[in-house]
């Protein structure tokens, strides 16, 4: 999972869709999560909750 967090950090750094003001904040949080073993569970739970909220939208669009 730590490798995936590193990949996410690289993606944020290279992204042109994330504002320059937000990049350091996002990267800082990702680095904190990388160092915390419990954070991996937290990330998974957050994504799962997010997906439960947006899945119906994607389904309506025919993307699921």
Protein backbone atom coordinates (compact mmCIF):
# COMPACT_ATOMS: atom_id res chain seq x y z
CA UNK A 1 0.00 0.00 0.00
CA UNK A 2 2.91 2.34 0.70
CA UNK A 3 3.94 2.01 -2.94
CA UNK A 4 0.44 3.02 -4.00
CA UNK A 5 0.62 6.08 -1.75
CA UNK A 6 3.98 6.98 -3.35
CA UNK A 7 2.34 6.66 -6.77
CA UNK A 8 -0.50 8.92 -5.59
CA UNK A 9 2.03 11.52 -4.41
CA UNK A 10 3.76 11.44 -7.81
CA UNK A 11 0.41 11.80 -9.58
CA UNK A 12 -0.55 14.79 -7.45
CA UNK A 13 2.82 16.43 -8.09
CA UNK A 14 2.44 16.04 -11.87
CA UNK A 15 -1.27 16.89 -12.06
CA UNK A 16 -2.39 19.99 -13.86
CA UNK A 17 -5.92 19.58 -12.50
CA UNK A 18 -4.94 20.26 -8.88
CA UNK A 19 -4.20 23.85 -7.95
CA UNK A 20 -0.70 24.74 -6.82
CA UNK A 21 -2.12 25.86 -3.45
CA UNK A 22 -3.74 22.46 -2.84
CA UNK A 23 -0.84 20.24 -3.94
CA UNK A 24 1.31 20.72 -0.80
CA UNK A 25 -1.70 20.10 1.45
CA UNK A 26 -2.65 16.89 -0.34
CA UNK A 27 0.94 15.67 -0.47
CA UNK A 28 1.43 16.39 3.23
CA UNK A 29 -1.65 14.33 4.13
CA UNK A 30 -0.57 11.48 1.85
CA UNK A 31 2.88 11.44 3.46
CA UNK A 32 1.28 11.31 6.91
CA UNK A 33 -0.88 8.39 5.81
CA UNK A 34 2.14 6.62 4.32
CA UNK A 35 3.79 6.62 7.76
CA UNK A 36 0.74 5.40 9.65
CA UNK A 37 -0.25 1.77 9.40
CA UNK A 38 -3.79 2.54 10.56
CA UNK A 39 -4.09 5.14 7.83
CA UNK A 40 -4.25 2.47 5.17
CA UNK A 41 -7.48 1.23 6.70
CA UNK A 42 -8.69 4.82 6.97
CA UNK A 43 -8.01 5.45 3.28
CA UNK A 44 -9.79 2.26 2.26
CA UNK A 45 -12.80 3.15 4.40
CA UNK A 46 -12.95 6.70 3.01
CA UNK A 47 -12.83 5.44 -0.57
CA UNK A 48 -15.46 2.83 0.15
CA UNK A 49 -17.77 5.44 1.66
CA UNK A 50 -17.12 7.80 -1.25
CA UNK A 51 -17.87 5.05 -3.76
CA UNK A 52 -21.15 4.23 -2.04
CA UNK A 53 -22.17 7.86 -2.52
CA UNK A 54 -21.13 8.23 -6.15
CA UNK A 55 -21.87 4.76 -7.52
CA UNK A 56 -25.56 5.58 -8.19
CA UNK A 57 -24.48 8.64 -10.17
CA UNK A 58 -22.09 6.58 -12.29
CA UNK A 59 -24.79 3.93 -12.73
CA UNK A 60 -27.24 6.54 -14.02
CA UNK A 61 -24.63 7.65 -16.51
CA UNK A 62 -24.16 4.04 -17.61
CA UNK A 63 -20.54 3.94 -16.44
CA UNK A 64 -20.94 1.08 -13.98
